Amino acid sequence: MNKLDEIAVILARLPDSSLIHSFLSSLLTPNEIHDISSRWELVKRLDAGQSQRLIARELGLSLCKITRGAKELKKEDSPIKKIVDHFNKLGQSNDRED
């Protein structure tokens, strides 16, 4: 098992999102957190149908990064698309509970 597998397995088994947040905040630099957060935001926006140019302008990202995200979302069996879909479903179920 490689190191990324180890991290994925342990995070998948943790039921405490605040512990995961603290772990990631301790492990990653502020710049790494910013980069990951920006990439997550860009794939959510792409999935929602926003234009690449609007995303680039609003998030201050290169079109190259956004195009890469778009290509990843379009891949067959895309793990990014699966996670975004899961996130969207969680948001919808939370909306119904309010």
PDB file of N, CA and C in Angstrom:
ATOM      1  N   MET A   1       0.851  -1.172   0.000  1.00  0.00           N
ATOM      2  CA  MET A   1       0.000   0.000   0.000  1.00  0.00           C
ATOM      3  C   MET A   1       0.903   1.243   0.000  1.00  0.00           C
ATOM      4  N   ASN A   2       0.637   2.166  -0.932  1.00  0.00           N
ATOM      5  CA  ASN A   2       1.435   3.391  -0.952  1.00  0.00           C
ATOM      6  C   ASN A   2       0.900   4.391   0.073  1.00  0.00           C
ATOM      7  N   LYS A   3       1.604   5.461   0.261  1.00  0.00           N
ATOM      8  CA  LYS A   3       1.258   6.430   1.309  1.00  0.00           C
ATOM      9  C   LYS A   3      -0.074   7.124   1.047  1.00  0.00           C
ATOM     10  N   LEU A   4      -0.376   7.425  -0.214  1.00  0.00           N
ATOM     11  CA  LEU A   4      -1.663   8.042  -0.521  1.00  0.00           C
ATOM     12  C   LEU A   4      -2.801   7.081  -0.199  1.00  0.00           C
ATOM     13  N   ASP A   5      -2.594   5.787  -0.473  1.00  0.00           N
ATOM     14  CA  ASP A   5      -3.595   4.779  -0.111  1.00  0.00           C
ATOM     15  C   ASP A   5      -3.827   4.764   1.397  1.00  0.00           C
ATOM     16  N   GLU A   6      -2.744   4.834   2.161  1.00  0.00           N
ATOM     17  CA  GLU A   6      -2.868   4.845   3.624  1.00  0.00           C
ATOM     18  C   GLU A   6      -3.727   6.015   4.091  1.00  0.00           C
ATOM     19  N   ILE A   7      -3.455   7.189   3.541  1.00  0.00           N
ATOM     20  CA  ILE A   7      -4.211   8.377   3.927  1.00  0.00           C
ATOM     21  C   ILE A   7      -5.676   8.232   3.523  1.00  0.00           C
ATOM     22  N   ALA A   8      -5.925   7.770   2.309  1.00  0.00           N
ATOM     23  CA  ALA A   8      -7.295   7.612   1.825  1.00  0.00           C
ATOM     24  C   ALA A   8      -8.077   6.634   2.700  1.00  0.00           C
ATOM     25  N   VAL A   9      -7.459   5.524   3.045  1.00  0.00           N
ATOM     26  CA  VAL A   9      -8.138   4.507   3.850  1.00  0.00           C
ATOM     27  C   VAL A   9      -8.496   5.049   5.229  1.00  0.00           C
ATOM     28  N   ILE A  10      -7.551   5.693   5.882  1.00  0.00           N
ATOM     29  CA  ILE A  10      -7.841   6.193   7.229  1.00  0.00           C
ATOM     30  C   ILE A  10      -8.878   7.314   7.197  1.00  0.00           C
ATOM     31  N   LEU A  11      -8.788   8.218   6.233  1.00  0.00           N
ATOM     32  CA  LEU A  11      -9.774   9.294   6.144  1.00  0.00           C
ATOM     33  C   LEU A  11     -11.168   8.756   5.850  1.00  0.00           C
ATOM     34  N   ALA A  12     -11.242   7.742   5.003  1.00  0.00           N
ATOM     35  CA  ALA A  12     -12.542   7.154   4.665  1.00  0.00           C
ATOM     36  C   ALA A  12     -13.198   6.491   5.870  1.00  0.00           C
ATOM     37  N   ARG A  13     -12.407   6.077   6.820  1.00  0.00           N
ATOM     38  CA  ARG A  13     -12.941   5.378   7.997  1.00  0.00           C
ATOM     39  C   ARG A  13     -13.240   6.309   9.171  1.00  0.00           C
ATOM     40  N   LEU A  14     -12.818   7.551   9.078  1.00  0.00           N
ATOM     41  CA  LEU A  14     -13.045   8.482  10.183  1.00  0.00           C
ATOM     42  C   LEU A  14     -14.431   9.111  10.080  1.00  0.00           C
ATOM     43  N   PRO A  15     -15.214   9.044  11.147  1.00  0.00           N
ATOM     44  CA  PRO A  15     -16.543   9.650  11.113  1.00  0.00           C
ATOM     45  C   PRO A  15     -16.557  11.118  11.551  1.00  0.00           C
ATOM     46  N   ASP A  16     -15.396  11.646  11.927  1.00  0.00           N
ATOM     47  CA  ASP A  16     -15.312  12.974  12.521  1.00  0.00           C
ATOM     48  C   ASP A  16     -14.710  13.978  11.539  1.00  0.00           C
ATOM     49  N   SER A  17     -15.557  14.797  10.903  1.00  0.00           N
ATOM     50  CA  SER A  17     -15.065  15.744   9.907  1.00  0.00           C
ATOM     51  C   SER A  17     -14.176  16.815  10.534  1.00  0.00           C
ATOM     52  N   SER A  18     -14.394  17.155  11.803  1.00  0.00           N
ATOM     53  CA  SER A  18     -13.525  18.162  12.432  1.00  0.00           C
ATOM     54  C   SER A  18     -12.113  17.606  12.641  1.00  0.00           C
ATOM     55  N   LEU A  19     -11.999  16.317  12.910  1.00  0.00           N
ATOM     56  CA  LEU A  19     -10.675  15.701  13.027  1.00  0.00           C
ATOM     57  C   LEU A  19      -9.980  15.682  11.665  1.00  0.00           C
ATOM     58  N   ILE A  20     -10.726  15.362  10.619  1.00  0.00           N
ATOM     59  CA  ILE A  20     -10.159  15.363   9.262  1.00  0.00           C
ATOM     60  C   ILE A  20      -9.695  16.773   8.900  1.00  0.00           C
ATOM     61  N   HIS A  21     -10.504  17.763   9.207  1.00  0.00           N
ATOM     62  CA  HIS A  21     -10.143  19.153   8.938  1.00  0.00           C
ATOM     63  C   HIS A  21      -8.854  19.522   9.676  1.00  0.00           C
ATOM     64  N   SER A  22      -8.792  19.184  10.950  1.00  0.00           N
ATOM     65  CA  SER A  22      -7.594  19.485  11.741  1.00  0.00           C
ATOM     66  C   SER A  22      -6.367  18.764  11.201  1.00  0.00           C
ATOM     67  N   PHE A  23      -6.555  17.509  10.807  1.00  0.00           N
ATOM     68  CA  PHE A  23      -5.458  16.736  10.234  1.00  0.00           C
ATOM     69  C   PHE A  23      -4.926  17.400   8.970  1.00  0.00           C
ATOM     70  N   LEU A  24      -5.832  17.741   8.049  1.00  0.00           N
ATOM     71  CA  LEU A  24      -5.406  18.358   6.796  1.00  0.00           C
ATOM     72  C   LEU A  24      -4.765  19.726   7.041  1.00  0.00           C
ATOM     73  N   SER A  25      -5.318  20.488   7.981  1.00  0.00           N
ATOM     74  CA  SER A  25      -4.745  21.797   8.303  1.00  0.00           C
ATOM     75  C   SER A  25      -3.351  21.674   8.899  1.00  0.00           C
ATOM     76  N   SER A  26      -3.123  20.597   9.641  1.00  0.00           N
ATOM     77  CA  SER A  26      -1.801  20.370  10.234  1.00  0.00           C
ATOM     78  C   SER A  26      -0.805  19.839   9.218  1.00  0.00           C
ATOM     79  N   LEU A  27      -1.282  19.042   8.274  1.00  0.00           N
ATOM     80  CA  LEU A  27      -0.419  18.384   7.306  1.00  0.00           C
ATOM     81  C   LEU A  27      -0.014  19.303   6.154  1.00  0.00           C
ATOM     82  N   LEU A  28      -0.937  20.150   5.723  1.00  0.00           N
ATOM     83  CA  LEU A  28      -0.730  20.964   4.530  1.00  0.00           C
ATOM     84  C   LEU A  28      -0.354  22.397   4.885  1.00  0.00           C
ATOM     85  N   THR A  29       0.404  23.020   4.001  1.00  0.00           N
ATOM     86  CA  THR A  29       0.731  24.432   4.183  1.00  0.00           C
ATOM     87  C   THR A  29      -0.483  25.274   3.787  1.00  0.00           C
ATOM     88  N   PRO A  30      -0.525  26.528   4.214  1.00  0.00           N
ATOM     89  CA  PRO A  30      -1.626  27.399   3.788  1.00  0.00           C
ATOM     90  C   PRO A  30      -1.746  27.487   2.258  1.00  0.00           C
ATOM     91  N   ASN A  31      -0.617  27.522   1.549  1.00  0.00           N
ATOM     92  CA  ASN A  31      -0.676  27.567   0.078  1.00  0.00           C
ATOM     93  C   ASN A  31      -1.263  26.288  -0.501  1.00  0.00           C
ATOM     94  N   GLU A  32      -0.906  25.141   0.065  1.00  0.00           N
ATOM     95  CA  GLU A  32      -1.458  23.868  -0.413  1.00  0.00           C
ATOM     96  C   GLU A  32      -2.961  23.800  -0.148  1.00  0.00           C
ATOM     97  N   ILE A  33      -3.379  24.273   1.006  1.00  0.00           N
ATOM     98  CA  ILE A  33      -4.811  24.304   1.327  1.00  0.00           C
ATOM     99  C   ILE A  33      -5.541  25.210   0.347  1.00  0.00           C
ATOM    100  N   HIS A  34      -4.965  26.363   0.060  1.00  0.00           N
ATOM    101  CA  HIS A  34      -5.564  27.300  -0.893  1.00  0.00           C
ATOM    102  C   HIS A  34      -5.685  26.656  -2.274  1.00  0.00           C
ATOM    103  N   ASP A  35      -4.615  26.000  -2.726  1.00  0.00           N
ATOM    104  CA  ASP A  35      -4.629  25.365  -4.050  1.00  0.00           C
ATOM    105  C   ASP A  35      -5.684  24.267  -4.138  1.00  0.00           C
ATOM    106  N   ILE A  36      -5.736  23.414  -3.132  1.00  0.00           N
ATOM    107  CA  ILE A  36      -6.720  22.325  -3.134  1.00  0.00           C
ATOM    108  C   ILE A  36      -8.143  22.892  -3.081  1.00  0.00           C
ATOM    109  N   SER A  37      -8.336  23.895  -2.228  1.00  0.00           N
ATOM    110  CA  SER A  37      -9.657  24.512  -2.105  1.00  0.00           C
ATOM    111  C   SER A  37     -10.091  25.162  -3.417  1.00  0.00           C
ATOM    112  N   SER A  38      -9.162  25.832  -4.090  1.00  0.00           N
ATOM    113  CA  SER A  38      -9.476  26.457  -5.383  1.00  0.00           C
ATOM    114  C   SER A  38      -9.845  25.420  -6.427  1.00  0.00           C
ATOM    115  N   ARG A  39      -9.115  24.331  -6.455  1.00  0.00           N
ATOM    116  CA  ARG A  39      -9.403  23.279  -7.435  1.00  0.00           C
ATOM    117  C   ARG A  39     -10.756  22.623  -7.150  1.00  0.00           C
ATOM    118  N   TRP A  40     -11.064  22.444  -5.874  1.00  0.00           N
ATOM    119  CA  TRP A  40     -12.371  21.882  -5.507  1.00  0.00           C
ATOM    120  C   TRP A  40     -13.482  22.835  -5.947  1.00  0.00           C
ATOM    121  N   GLU A  41     -13.302  24.125  -5.680  1.00  0.00           N
ATOM    122  CA  GLU A  41     -14.304  25.109  -6.076  1.00  0.00           C
ATOM    123  C   GLU A  41     -14.478  25.143  -7.590  1.00  0.00           C
ATOM    124  N   LEU A  42     -13.388  25.051  -8.328  1.00  0.00           N
ATOM    125  CA  LEU A  42     -13.509  25.113  -9.787  1.00  0.00           C
ATOM    126  C   LEU A  42     -14.246  23.905 -10.345  1.00  0.00           C
ATOM    127  N   VAL A  43     -14.038  22.703  -9.810  1.00  0.00           N
ATOM    128  CA  VAL A  43     -14.772  21.551 -10.359  1.00  0.00           C
ATOM    129  C   VAL A  43     -16.244  21.610  -9.977  1.00  0.00           C
ATOM    130  N   LYS A  44     -16.567  22.139  -8.805  1.00  0.00           N
ATOM    131  CA  LYS A  44     -17.981  22.313  -8.441  1.00  0.00           C
ATOM    132  C   LYS A  44     -18.649  23.302  -9.390  1.00  0.00           C
ATOM    133  N   ARG A  45     -17.951  24.395  -9.689  1.00  0.00           N
ATOM    134  CA  ARG A  45     -18.520  25.406 -10.587  1.00  0.00           C
ATOM    135  C   ARG A  45     -18.657  24.887 -12.010  1.00  0.00           C
ATOM    136  N   LEU A  46     -17.653  24.142 -12.476  1.00  0.00           N
ATOM    137  CA  LEU A  46     -17.757  23.542 -13.811  1.00  0.00           C
ATOM    138  C   LEU A  46     -18.947  22.601 -13.879  1.00  0.00           C
ATOM    139  N   ASP A  47     -19.102  21.790 -12.857  1.00  0.00           N
ATOM    140  CA  ASP A  47     -20.215  20.842 -12.808  1.00  0.00           C
ATOM    141  C   ASP A  47     -21.562  21.566 -12.803  1.00  0.00           C
ATOM    142  N   ALA A  48     -21.588  22.745 -12.199  1.00  0.00           N
ATOM    143  CA  ALA A  48     -22.820  23.539 -12.156  1.00  0.00           C
ATOM    144  C   ALA A  48     -23.075  24.297 -13.459  1.00  0.00           C
ATOM    145  N   GLY A  49     -22.117  24.210 -14.405  1.00  0.00           N
ATOM    146  CA  GLY A  49     -22.320  24.819 -15.713  1.00  0.00           C
ATOM    147  C   GLY A  49     -21.727  26.198 -15.903  1.00  0.00           C
ATOM    148  N   GLN A  50     -20.941  26.681 -14.956  1.00  0.00           N
ATOM    149  CA  GLN A  50     -20.308  27.991 -15.135  1.00  0.00           C
ATOM    150  C   GLN A  50     -19.244  27.921 -16.224  1.00  0.00           C
ATOM    151  N   SER A  51     -19.055  29.033 -16.889  1.00  0.00           N
ATOM    152  CA  SER A  51     -18.056  29.080 -17.964  1.00  0.00           C
ATOM    153  C   SER A  51     -16.645  29.092 -17.378  1.00  0.00           C
ATOM    154  N   GLN A  52     -15.726  28.541 -18.156  1.00  0.00           N
ATOM    155  CA  GLN A  52     -14.336  28.509 -17.725  1.00  0.00           C
ATOM    156  C   GLN A  52     -13.773  29.914 -17.539  1.00  0.00           C
ATOM    157  N   ARG A  53     -14.130  30.820 -18.412  1.00  0.00           N
ATOM    158  CA  ARG A  53     -13.609  32.189 -18.310  1.00  0.00           C
ATOM    159  C   ARG A  53     -14.121  32.905 -17.054  1.00  0.00           C
ATOM    160  N   LEU A  54     -15.379  32.685 -16.706  1.00  0.00           N
ATOM    161  CA  LEU A  54     -15.929  33.285 -15.493  1.00  0.00           C
ATOM    162  C   LEU A  54     -15.223  32.724 -14.253  1.00  0.00           C
ATOM    163  N   ILE A  55     -15.026  31.414 -14.231  1.00  0.00           N
ATOM    164  CA  ILE A  55     -14.333  30.775 -13.110  1.00  0.00           C
ATOM    165  C   ILE A  55     -12.913  31.315 -12.994  1.00  0.00           C
ATOM    166  N   ALA A  56     -12.227  31.420 -14.125  1.00  0.00           N
ATOM    167  CA  ALA A  56     -10.852  31.940 -14.120  1.00  0.00           C
ATOM    168  C   ALA A  56     -10.817  33.343 -13.545  1.00  0.00           C
ATOM    169  N   ARG A  57     -11.743  34.173 -13.974  1.00  0.00           N
ATOM    170  CA  ARG A  57     -11.777  35.560 -13.514  1.00  0.00           C
ATOM    171  C   ARG A  57     -12.110  35.631 -12.019  1.00  0.00           C
ATOM    172  N   GLU A  58     -13.124  34.897 -11.585  1.00  0.00           N
ATOM    173  CA  GLU A  58     -13.568  34.999 -10.190  1.00  0.00           C
ATOM    174  C   GLU A  58     -12.610  34.336  -9.201  1.00  0.00           C
ATOM    175  N   LEU A  59     -11.971  33.239  -9.611  1.00  0.00           N
ATOM    176  CA  LEU A  59     -11.079  32.523  -8.698  1.00  0.00           C
ATOM    177  C   LEU A  59      -9.607  32.871  -8.904  1.00  0.00           C
ATOM    178  N   GLY A  60      -9.309  33.636  -9.956  1.00  0.00           N
ATOM    179  CA  GLY A  60      -7.924  34.007 -10.234  1.00  0.00           C
ATOM    180  C   GLY A  60      -7.073  32.814 -10.644  1.00  0.00           C
ATOM    181  N   LEU A  61      -7.676  31.887 -11.380  1.00  0.00           N
ATOM    182  CA  LEU A  61      -6.971  30.686 -11.825  1.00  0.00           C
ATOM    183  C   LEU A  61      -6.704  30.747 -13.318  1.00  0.00           C
ATOM    184  N   SER A  62      -5.691  30.013 -13.751  1.00  0.00           N
ATOM    185  CA  SER A  62      -5.382  29.962 -15.172  1.00  0.00           C
ATOM    186  C   SER A  62      -6.412  29.095 -15.895  1.00  0.00           C
ATOM    187  N   LEU A  63      -6.643  29.429 -17.153  1.00  0.00           N
ATOM    188  CA  LEU A  63      -7.540  28.606 -17.971  1.00  0.00           C
ATOM    189  C   LEU A  63      -6.995  27.185 -18.106  1.00  0.00           C
ATOM    190  N   CYS A  64      -5.683  27.044 -18.043  1.00  0.00           N
ATOM    191  CA  CYS A  64      -5.059  25.724 -18.135  1.00  0.00           C
ATOM    192  C   CYS A  64      -5.520  24.824 -16.980  1.00  0.00           C
ATOM    193  N   LYS A  65      -5.513  25.361 -15.761  1.00  0.00           N
ATOM    194  CA  LYS A  65      -5.972  24.585 -14.602  1.00  0.00           C
ATOM    195  C   LYS A  65      -7.447  24.237 -14.735  1.00  0.00           C
ATOM    196  N   ILE A  66      -8.219  25.181 -15.207  1.00  0.00           N
ATOM    197  CA  ILE A  66      -9.657  24.966 -15.330  1.00  0.00           C
ATOM    198  C   ILE A  66      -9.949  23.955 -16.429  1.00  0.00           C
ATOM    199  N   THR A  67      -9.222  24.035 -17.534  1.00  0.00           N
ATOM    200  CA  THR A  67      -9.389  23.066 -18.613  1.00  0.00           C
ATOM    201  C   THR A  67      -9.039  21.666 -18.126  1.00  0.00           C
ATOM    202  N   ARG A  68      -7.999  21.547 -17.336  1.00  0.00           N
ATOM    203  CA  ARG A  68      -7.629  20.248 -16.770  1.00  0.00           C
ATOM    204  C   ARG A  68      -8.759  19.704 -15.908  1.00  0.00           C
ATOM    205  N   GLY A  69      -9.351  20.558 -15.073  1.00  0.00           N
ATOM    206  CA  GLY A  69     -10.484  20.143 -14.247  1.00  0.00           C
ATOM    207  C   GLY A  69     -11.662  19.700 -15.096  1.00  0.00           C
ATOM    208  N   ALA A  70     -11.920  20.435 -16.173  1.00  0.00           N
ATOM    209  CA  ALA A  70     -13.028  20.080 -17.068  1.00  0.00           C
ATOM    210  C   ALA A  70     -12.791  18.722 -17.720  1.00  0.00           C
ATOM    211  N   LYS A  71     -11.556  18.479 -18.140  1.00  0.00           N
ATOM    212  CA  LYS A  71     -11.224  17.187 -18.756  1.00  0.00           C
ATOM    213  C   LYS A  71     -11.389  16.052 -17.751  1.00  0.00           C
ATOM    214  N   GLU A  72     -10.964  16.294 -16.506  1.00  0.00           N
ATOM    215  CA  GLU A  72     -11.101  15.265 -15.467  1.00  0.00           C
ATOM    216  C   GLU A  72     -12.565  14.955 -15.192  1.00  0.00           C
ATOM    217  N   LEU A  73     -13.407  15.976 -15.168  1.00  0.00           N
ATOM    218  CA  LEU A  73     -14.839  15.759 -14.939  1.00  0.00           C
ATOM    219  C   LEU A  73     -15.488  14.939 -16.057  1.00  0.00           C
ATOM    220  N   LYS A  74     -14.980  15.105 -17.289  1.00  0.00           N
ATOM    221  CA  LYS A  74     -15.578  14.436 -18.450  1.00  0.00           C
ATOM    222  C   LYS A  74     -15.086  13.010 -18.665  1.00  0.00           C
ATOM    223  N   LYS A  75     -14.017  12.619 -17.971  1.00  0.00           N
ATOM    224  CA  LYS A  75     -13.484  11.270 -18.158  1.00  0.00           C
ATOM    225  C   LYS A  75     -14.515  10.227 -17.746  1.00  0.00           C
ATOM    226  N   GLU A  76     -14.509   9.123 -18.486  1.00  0.00           N
ATOM    227  CA  GLU A  76     -15.381   8.016 -18.119  1.00  0.00           C
ATOM    228  C   GLU A  76     -14.993   7.514 -16.736  1.00  0.00           C
ATOM    229  N   ASP A  77     -15.982   7.321 -15.892  1.00  0.00           N
ATOM    230  CA  ASP A  77     -15.769   6.819 -14.531  1.00  0.00           C
ATOM    231  C   ASP A  77     -14.897   7.770 -13.700  1.00  0.00           C
ATOM    232  N   SER A  78     -15.054   9.072 -13.917  1.00  0.00           N
ATOM    233  CA  SER A  78     -14.234  10.101 -13.259  1.00  0.00           C
ATOM    234  C   SER A  78     -14.436  10.102 -11.744  1.00  0.00           C
ATOM    235  N   PRO A  79     -13.357   9.928 -10.984  1.00  0.00           N
ATOM    236  CA  PRO A  79     -13.500   9.998  -9.530  1.00  0.00           C
ATOM    237  C   PRO A  79     -13.892  11.402  -9.059  1.00  0.00           C
ATOM    238  N   ILE A  80     -13.433  12.422  -9.770  1.00  0.00           N
ATOM    239  CA  ILE A  80     -13.811  13.787  -9.395  1.00  0.00           C
ATOM    240  C   ILE A  80     -15.313  13.983  -9.581  1.00  0.00           C
ATOM    241  N   LYS A  81     -15.846  13.522 -10.700  1.00  0.00           N
ATOM    242  CA  LYS A  81     -17.286  13.639 -10.952  1.00  0.00           C
ATOM    243  C   LYS A  81     -18.083  12.877  -9.895  1.00  0.00           C
ATOM    244  N   LYS A  82     -17.609  11.691  -9.520  1.00  0.00           N
ATOM    245  CA  LYS A  82     -18.306  10.911  -8.490  1.00  0.00           C
ATOM    246  C   LYS A  82     -18.348  11.664  -7.164  1.00  0.00           C
ATOM    247  N   ILE A  83     -17.238  12.289  -6.793  1.00  0.00           N
ATOM    248  CA  ILE A  83     -17.181  13.025  -5.524  1.00  0.00           C
ATOM    249  C   ILE A  83     -18.062  14.269  -5.591  1.00  0.00           C
ATOM    250  N   VAL A  84     -18.032  14.991  -6.700  1.00  0.00           N
ATOM    251  CA  VAL A  84     -18.885  16.174  -6.848  1.00  0.00           C
ATOM    252  C   VAL A  84     -20.358  15.761  -6.793  1.00  0.00           C
ATOM    253  N   ASP A  85     -20.707  14.680  -7.465  1.00  0.00           N
ATOM    254  CA  ASP A  85     -22.093  14.186  -7.427  1.00  0.00           C
ATOM    255  C   ASP A  85     -22.491  13.819  -5.995  1.00  0.00           C
ATOM    256  N   HIS A  86     -21.598  13.156  -5.291  1.00  0.00           N
ATOM    257  CA  HIS A  86     -21.863  12.785  -3.899  1.00  0.00           C
ATOM    258  C   HIS A  86     -22.059  14.046  -3.051  1.00  0.00           C
ATOM    259  N   PHE A  87     -21.197  15.025  -3.230  1.00  0.00           N
ATOM    260  CA  PHE A  87     -21.315  16.292  -2.520  1.00  0.00           C
ATOM    261  C   PHE A  87     -22.665  16.945  -2.813  1.00  0.00           C
ATOM    262  N   ASN A  88     -23.062  16.963  -4.079  1.00  0.00           N
ATOM    263  CA  ASN A  88     -24.341  17.571  -4.458  1.00  0.00           C
ATOM    264  C   ASN A  88     -25.516  16.843  -3.815  1.00  0.00           C
ATOM    265  N   LYS A  89     -25.453  15.522  -3.765  1.00  0.00           N
ATOM    266  CA  LYS A  89     -26.521  14.752  -3.115  1.00  0.00           C
ATOM    267  C   LYS A  89     -26.583  15.052  -1.622  1.00  0.00           C
ATOM    268  N   LEU A  90     -25.431  15.168  -0.985  1.00  0.00           N
ATOM    269  CA  LEU A  90     -25.400  15.508   0.443  1.00  0.00           C
ATOM    270  C   LEU A  90     -26.032  16.883   0.679  1.00  0.00           C
ATOM    271  N   GLY A  91     -25.725  17.815  -0.184  1.00  0.00           N
ATOM    272  CA  GLY A  91     -26.297  19.155  -0.062  1.00  0.00           C
ATOM    273  C   GLY A  91     -27.803  19.150  -0.223  1.00  0.00           C
ATOM    274  N   GLN A  92     -28.303  18.340  -1.139  1.00  0.00           N
ATOM    275  CA  GLN A  92     -29.747  18.245  -1.351  1.00  0.00           C
ATOM    276  C   GLN A  92     -30.438  17.610  -0.150  1.00  0.00           C
ATOM    277  N   SER A  93     -29.817  16.573   0.438  1.00  0.00           N
ATOM    278  CA  SER A  93     -30.433  15.933   1.594  1.00  0.00           C
ATOM    279  C   SER A  93     -30.387  16.864   2.795  1.00  0.00           C
ATOM    280  N   ASN A  94     -29.326  17.663   2.923  1.00  0.00           N
ATOM    281  CA  ASN A  94     -29.261  18.642   4.010  1.00  0.00           C
ATOM    282  C   ASN A  94     -30.295  19.741   3.820  1.00  0.00           C
ATOM    283  N   ASP A  95     -30.546  20.130   2.560  1.00  0.00           N
ATOM    284  CA  ASP A  95     -31.545  21.149   2.275  1.00  0.00           C
ATOM    285  C   ASP A  95     -32.932  20.684   2.703  1.00  0.00           C
ATOM    286  N   ARG A  96     -33.236  19.406   2.503  1.00  0.00           N
ATOM    287  CA  ARG A  96     -34.552  18.868   2.863  1.00  0.00           C
ATOM    288  C   ARG A  96     -34.754  18.818   4.371  1.00  0.00           C
ATOM    289  N   GLU A  97     -33.665  18.692   5.131  1.00  0.00           N
ATOM    290  CA  GLU A  97     -33.769  18.583   6.582  1.00  0.00           C
ATOM    291  C   GLU A  97     -34.023  19.933   7.241  1.00  0.00           C
ATOM    292  N   ASP A  98     -33.700  21.034   6.566  1.00  0.00           N
ATOM    293  CA  ASP A  98     -33.852  22.365   7.169  1.00  0.00           C
ATOM    294  C   ASP A  98     -35.288  22.803   7.275  1.00  0.00           C
TER     295      ASP A  98
END
